[in-house]
Amino acid sequence: MALSSSLSLNFYDHVCPQALPTLKRVVEDVVKQESRMSASLLCLHFLDCFVNGCEASILLDKIATIDSEKTVVPNNNSIRGFDVIDKIKSEVDKCCGHPIVSCTDIVAVAARDSVVAISSSGVFHEHLGGPTYAVPLGRRDSTTSSRTTTNNDIPAPFMDLPALIKNFNKQGLDEKDLVALSWGHTIGFSQCFTFRNLIYNETNIEPSFARQRQANCPRSGGDSKLAPLDLTPSLFDSKYFSNLVSKKGLLHFDQELCNGGQTNNLVKKYSINFGSFSKDFVSSMIKMGNIKPLT
């Protein structure tokens, strides 16, 4: 995967060589305390890059001149990890002696380190983890945000496959990127209102799995009740893809990836070949991190 010409793999090496090790230490400490935070940090990077590019506008709070993206419908009461980014920023600024590492770069590197920090057993391990890769650096932070763009550009959990492909194409991402990046749903949880229609009204779902989810998600009410996004919600593994093959995807979005369309074969390939998936995931993460960076 080619780097953006404006980014560099060694951007901070000379100005603050301890910046990235410090960031990694904080992420590892946080993930060790709560493995679910891995999914949250990965999701934060995704949501940032899909709205006007990777520029940290997702972090901006509402003030008179800023209409925050945090409380729009796709993000409200669902995204987490802001306190972790604040903690990383504080520690990195302290080790560098002054603010030098952008919040955008922190979000991008924290996403990578959060994946690496979780081993295939679902627990923190300093040597074993998910796919790693070198993160291109040198992004600046935005001082503006857009609720309208957020509502228009964040893929919804109810989208069908053509809409998802169109949504990703808009960001310069293809079908392989769509499937690889959706693996972020291998850990974490989702709220009842996001999957209610799938478990009660759709047919592309394994019946016993639907009944299991119905037990904790009533037809009405209980919108915020949680269910795991896949059957091993604390593991970075290939179960996300094998679950889709078995029609046990929690979100309509996810199950659409394996519903007879053009992404079917890729889902099946990843379900039995994690090595191939890992290579494509790394490529897609770097590609996503290159979306319209401010430099």
Protein backbone atom coordinates (compact mmCIF):
# COMPACT_ATOMS: atom_id res chain seq x y z
CA MET A 1 0.00 0.00 0.00
CA ALA A 2 1.46 3.36 -1.06
CA LEU A 3 1.73 6.06 1.57
CA SER A 4 0.20 9.48 1.19
CA SER A 5 3.01 11.65 -0.19
CA SER A 6 2.50 14.09 2.69
CA LEU A 7 2.91 11.49 5.45
CA SER A 8 6.02 9.76 6.80
CA LEU A 9 6.69 6.58 8.75
CA ASN A 10 9.36 8.30 10.87
CA PHE A 11 7.75 11.71 11.34
CA TYR A 12 8.42 11.89 15.10
CA ASP A 13 11.64 9.86 15.26
CA HIS A 14 13.96 12.85 15.70
CA VAL A 15 11.70 15.43 17.36
CA CYS A 16 10.38 13.03 20.03
CA PRO A 17 11.60 9.44 19.76
CA GLN A 18 9.72 8.40 22.93
CA ALA A 19 6.33 9.56 21.65
CA LEU A 20 5.16 6.30 20.09
CA PRO A 21 6.54 4.02 22.85
CA THR A 22 4.72 6.19 25.40
CA LEU A 23 1.50 5.98 23.39
CA LYS A 24 1.85 2.21 23.14
CA ARG A 25 2.36 1.88 26.90
CA VAL A 26 -0.81 3.82 27.70
CA VAL A 27 -2.88 1.79 25.22
CA GLU A 28 -1.55 -1.48 26.61
CA ASP A 29 -2.38 -0.39 30.17
CA VAL A 30 -5.92 0.57 29.20
CA VAL A 31 -6.58 -2.59 27.18
CA LYS A 32 -5.18 -4.72 30.00
CA GLN A 33 -7.85 -3.22 32.26
CA GLU A 34 -10.67 -3.46 29.71
CA SER A 35 -10.28 -5.51 26.54
CA ARG A 36 -13.43 -3.96 25.05
CA MET A 37 -11.54 -0.66 24.72
CA SER A 38 -9.65 -2.19 21.78
CA ALA A 39 -12.83 -2.12 19.72
CA SER A 40 -13.63 1.40 20.88
CA LEU A 41 -10.25 2.81 19.82
CA LEU A 42 -10.40 1.03 16.48
CA CYS A 43 -13.92 2.35 15.90
CA LEU A 44 -12.85 5.89 16.83
CA HIS A 45 -10.25 5.90 14.04
CA PHE A 46 -12.81 4.57 11.54
CA LEU A 47 -15.42 7.17 12.47
CA ASP A 48 -12.85 9.95 12.32
CA CYS A 49 -11.57 9.07 8.85
CA PHE A 50 -15.03 8.64 7.30
CA VAL A 51 -16.01 12.26 8.04
CA ASN A 52 -13.91 14.74 6.03
CA GLY A 53 -10.85 12.51 6.30
CA CYS A 54 -8.55 11.59 9.18
CA GLU A 55 -8.27 14.89 11.06
CA ALA A 56 -9.59 14.28 14.61
CA SER A 57 -12.79 16.28 14.21
CA ILE A 58 -14.53 13.41 16.04
CA LEU A 59 -12.80 14.61 19.23
CA LEU A 60 -14.13 18.17 19.18
CA ASP A 61 -16.68 19.15 21.82
CA LYS A 62 -19.63 21.42 21.10
CA ILE A 63 -18.97 25.12 21.58
CA ALA A 64 -20.39 28.25 19.98
CA THR A 65 -18.32 27.80 16.82
CA ILE A 66 -18.23 23.98 16.68
CA ASP A 67 -21.19 21.67 16.09
CA SER A 68 -19.77 18.48 17.58
CA GLU A 69 -19.92 15.16 15.74
CA LYS A 70 -20.08 13.28 19.03
CA THR A 71 -23.84 13.56 19.48
CA VAL A 72 -25.12 12.94 15.96
CA VAL A 73 -27.40 9.93 15.58
CA PRO A 74 -24.74 7.42 14.38
CA ASN A 75 -22.39 8.33 17.25
CA ASN A 76 -24.57 9.38 20.18
CA ASN A 77 -24.22 7.14 23.24
CA SER A 78 -22.22 4.61 21.24
CA ILE A 79 -18.64 5.81 20.69
CA ARG A 80 -16.16 5.56 23.54
CA GLY A 81 -12.48 6.14 24.17
CA PHE A 82 -12.31 9.92 24.32
CA ASP A 83 -10.87 9.78 27.84
CA VAL A 84 -8.20 7.36 26.63
CA ILE A 85 -7.16 9.71 23.83
CA ASP A 86 -6.99 12.56 26.37
CA LYS A 87 -4.80 10.45 28.64
CA ILE A 88 -2.48 9.48 25.78
CA LYS A 89 -2.21 13.10 24.67
CA SER A 90 -1.29 14.20 28.19
CA GLU A 91 1.36 11.50 28.61
CA VAL A 92 2.87 12.04 25.18
CA ASP A 93 3.02 15.82 25.62
CA LYS A 94 4.72 15.28 28.96
CA CYS A 95 7.36 12.95 27.56
CA CYS A 96 8.03 15.24 24.58
CA GLY A 97 8.24 18.35 26.74
CA HIS A 98 5.57 20.18 24.75
CA PRO A 99 2.62 19.42 22.44
CA ILE A 100 4.06 17.96 19.26
CA VAL A 101 2.08 14.82 18.34
CA SER A 102 -1.29 15.58 16.75
CA CYS A 103 -4.48 14.09 18.13
CA THR A 104 -5.15 12.66 14.66
CA ASP A 105 -1.89 10.70 14.71
CA ILE A 106 -2.64 9.58 18.26
CA VAL A 107 -6.03 8.20 17.18
CA ALA A 108 -4.46 6.39 14.22
CA VAL A 109 -1.62 4.82 16.23
CA ALA A 110 -3.89 3.98 19.18
CA ALA A 111 -6.15 2.02 16.80
CA ARG A 112 -3.16 -0.01 15.61
CA ASP A 113 -1.78 -0.56 19.10
CA SER A 114 -5.17 -1.57 20.49
CA VAL A 115 -5.43 -4.37 17.91
CA VAL A 116 -1.88 -5.54 18.62
CA ALA A 117 -2.47 -5.47 22.39
CA ILE A 118 -5.17 -8.15 22.30
CA SER A 119 -3.97 -11.69 21.73
CA SER A 120 -5.96 -14.40 20.02
CA SER A 121 -6.98 -15.61 23.49
CA GLY A 122 -8.79 -12.33 24.12
CA VAL A 123 -6.45 -11.10 26.84
CA PHE A 124 -3.66 -8.59 26.95
CA HIS A 125 -0.27 -9.95 25.93
CA GLU A 126 2.81 -7.85 25.31
CA HIS A 127 4.12 -10.07 22.52
CA LEU A 128 1.06 -11.69 20.93
CA GLY A 129 -1.77 -9.83 19.26
CA GLY A 130 -3.64 -8.86 16.14
CA PRO A 131 -2.07 -7.73 12.86
CA THR A 132 0.49 -4.94 13.20
CA TYR A 133 1.70 -2.41 10.66
CA ALA A 134 3.67 0.82 10.36
CA VAL A 135 1.41 3.87 10.65
CA PRO A 136 2.15 6.81 8.32
CA LEU A 137 2.34 9.98 10.44
CA GLY A 138 2.33 13.75 10.14
CA ARG A 139 -1.38 14.62 10.15
CA ARG A 140 -2.61 17.91 11.58
CA ASP A 141 -5.81 18.33 13.58
CA SER A 142 -8.98 19.95 12.31
CA THR A 143 -10.56 22.87 14.15
CA THR A 144 -13.99 22.33 12.58
CA SER A 145 -16.51 19.52 12.43
CA SER A 146 -19.69 18.73 10.52
CA ARG A 147 -22.80 17.05 11.85
CA THR A 148 -24.34 16.99 8.36
CA THR A 149 -21.35 15.18 6.85
CA THR A 150 -21.29 12.77 9.78
CA ASN A 151 -24.95 11.84 9.25
CA ASN A 152 -24.38 11.42 5.52
CA ASP A 153 -21.06 9.55 5.54
CA ILE A 154 -21.06 7.17 8.52
CA PRO A 155 -22.35 3.77 7.32
CA ALA A 156 -25.54 2.81 9.12
CA PRO A 157 -26.11 -0.66 10.64
CA PHE A 158 -29.23 -1.03 8.46
CA MET A 159 -27.54 -0.53 5.07
CA ASP A 160 -27.77 -3.17 2.37
CA LEU A 161 -24.71 -4.25 0.39
CA PRO A 162 -25.03 -1.85 -2.59
CA ALA A 163 -25.38 1.09 -0.19
CA LEU A 164 -22.37 -0.07 1.82
CA ILE A 165 -20.23 -0.45 -1.31
CA LYS A 166 -21.29 3.03 -2.45
CA ASN A 167 -20.53 4.45 1.00
CA PHE A 168 -17.03 2.97 1.03
CA ASN A 169 -16.39 3.92 -2.61
CA LYS A 170 -17.11 7.53 -1.65
CA GLN A 171 -14.05 7.32 0.63
CA GLY A 172 -11.88 5.75 -2.06
CA LEU A 173 -12.28 2.28 -0.54
CA ASP A 174 -13.30 -0.85 -2.42
CA GLU A 175 -15.18 -4.06 -1.61
CA LYS A 176 -12.11 -5.73 -0.14
CA ASP A 177 -11.65 -2.76 2.19
CA LEU A 178 -15.31 -2.97 3.18
CA VAL A 179 -15.02 -6.61 4.24
CA ALA A 180 -11.60 -6.28 5.88
CA LEU A 181 -12.45 -3.16 7.89
CA SER A 182 -15.78 -4.61 9.00
CA TRP A 183 -13.70 -7.10 10.99
CA GLY A 184 -13.63 -4.39 13.65
CA HIS A 185 -16.95 -5.94 14.69
CA THR A 186 -15.11 -9.04 15.87
CA ILE A 187 -15.07 -7.55 19.37
CA GLY A 188 -17.45 -5.29 21.21
CA PHE A 189 -21.20 -4.95 21.60
CA SER A 190 -24.17 -3.30 19.91
CA GLN A 191 -27.44 -1.88 21.20
CA CYS A 192 -30.77 -3.60 20.71
CA PHE A 193 -32.27 -0.94 18.45
CA THR A 194 -29.51 -1.52 15.88
CA PHE A 195 -30.35 -5.19 15.32
CA ARG A 196 -34.02 -5.52 16.34
CA ASN A 197 -35.33 -5.62 12.79
CA LEU A 198 -32.84 -8.32 11.79
CA ILE A 199 -33.75 -10.71 14.61
CA TYR A 200 -37.52 -10.27 14.28
CA ASN A 201 -38.28 -9.49 10.65
CA GLU A 202 -35.49 -10.75 8.38
CA THR A 203 -34.82 -14.22 7.02
CA ASN A 204 -31.04 -14.08 6.49
CA ILE A 205 -30.37 -15.18 10.06
CA GLU A 206 -29.99 -18.57 11.71
CA PRO A 207 -33.28 -19.17 13.64
CA SER A 208 -31.80 -20.33 16.95
CA PHE A 209 -29.39 -17.38 16.91
CA ALA A 210 -32.31 -15.02 16.34
CA ARG A 211 -34.15 -16.53 19.31
CA GLN A 212 -31.08 -16.12 21.53
CA ARG A 213 -30.88 -12.44 20.70
CA GLN A 214 -34.63 -11.95 21.09
CA ALA A 215 -34.33 -13.10 24.71
CA ASN A 216 -32.47 -9.90 25.54
CA CYS A 217 -33.94 -7.55 22.93
CA PRO A 218 -37.75 -7.19 23.06
CA ARG A 219 -39.85 -6.06 20.10
CA SER A 220 -40.37 -2.74 21.83
CA GLY A 221 -38.40 -1.03 24.57
CA GLY A 222 -34.95 -1.98 25.80
CA ASP A 223 -33.27 -0.06 23.00
CA SER A 224 -29.96 0.24 24.85
CA LYS A 225 -29.67 -3.41 25.87
CA LEU A 226 -26.38 -4.84 24.64
CA ALA A 227 -25.50 -7.97 22.70
CA PRO A 228 -22.05 -9.09 21.51
CA LEU A 229 -21.26 -8.25 17.91
CA ASP A 230 -20.01 -11.79 17.39
CA LEU A 231 -19.95 -15.00 19.40
CA THR A 232 -16.44 -14.35 20.76
CA PRO A 233 -16.75 -10.65 21.70
CA SER A 234 -13.41 -10.44 23.51
CA LEU A 235 -11.32 -12.07 20.81
CA PHE A 236 -9.60 -10.73 17.72
CA ASP A 237 -10.15 -13.84 15.60
CA SER A 238 -11.76 -15.08 12.39
CA LYS A 239 -15.05 -15.98 14.10
CA TYR A 240 -16.58 -12.77 12.79
CA PHE A 241 -16.38 -14.17 9.26
CA SER A 242 -17.35 -17.75 10.09
CA ASN A 243 -20.35 -16.36 12.00
CA LEU A 244 -21.47 -14.56 8.84
CA VAL A 245 -21.12 -17.76 6.82
CA SER A 246 -23.37 -19.43 9.44
CA LYS A 247 -25.87 -16.53 9.27
CA LYS A 248 -25.05 -15.37 12.79
CA GLY A 249 -24.18 -11.76 12.06
CA LEU A 250 -25.72 -9.40 14.60
CA LEU A 251 -26.18 -6.36 12.37
CA HIS A 252 -27.93 -6.21 9.00
CA PHE A 253 -24.76 -4.41 7.82
CA ASP A 254 -22.61 -7.39 8.73
CA GLN A 255 -24.84 -10.14 7.39
CA GLU A 256 -25.20 -8.29 4.09
CA LEU A 257 -21.52 -9.10 3.48
CA CYS A 258 -22.51 -12.76 3.17
CA ASN A 259 -25.95 -12.73 1.64
CA GLY A 260 -25.31 -13.97 -1.89
CA GLY A 261 -23.67 -10.77 -3.13
CA GLN A 262 -20.24 -9.99 -4.54
CA THR A 263 -18.52 -10.04 -1.13
CA ASN A 264 -19.61 -13.60 -0.28
CA ASN A 265 -16.47 -15.31 -1.53
CA LEU A 266 -14.19 -12.92 0.33
CA VAL A 267 -16.02 -13.51 3.62
CA LYS A 268 -15.70 -17.27 3.12
CA LYS A 269 -12.02 -16.93 2.26
CA TYR A 270 -11.28 -14.91 5.39
CA SER A 271 -13.25 -17.37 7.54
CA ILE A 272 -10.73 -20.12 6.75
CA ASN A 273 -7.58 -18.15 5.93
CA PHE A 274 -6.76 -15.68 8.71
CA GLY A 275 -3.31 -15.04 7.26
CA SER A 276 -4.80 -13.75 4.02
CA PHE A 277 -7.23 -11.61 5.97
CA SER A 278 -4.48 -10.13 8.18
CA LYS A 279 -2.55 -8.99 5.11
CA ASP A 280 -5.62 -7.35 3.60
CA PHE A 281 -6.62 -5.78 6.93
CA VAL A 282 -3.25 -4.07 7.25
CA SER A 283 -3.51 -2.76 3.69
CA SER A 284 -7.04 -1.46 4.29
CA MET A 285 -6.14 0.22 7.59
CA ILE A 286 -3.26 2.10 5.96
CA LYS A 287 -5.49 3.01 3.03
CA MET A 288 -8.19 4.32 5.35
CA GLY A 289 -5.61 6.29 7.35
CA ASN A 290 -4.64 8.05 4.11
CA ILE A 291 -8.11 9.53 3.54
CA LYS A 292 -7.70 13.28 3.07
CA PRO A 293 -5.17 13.96 5.86
CA LEU A 294 -4.49 17.55 6.90
CA THR A 295 -0.75 18.16 6.62
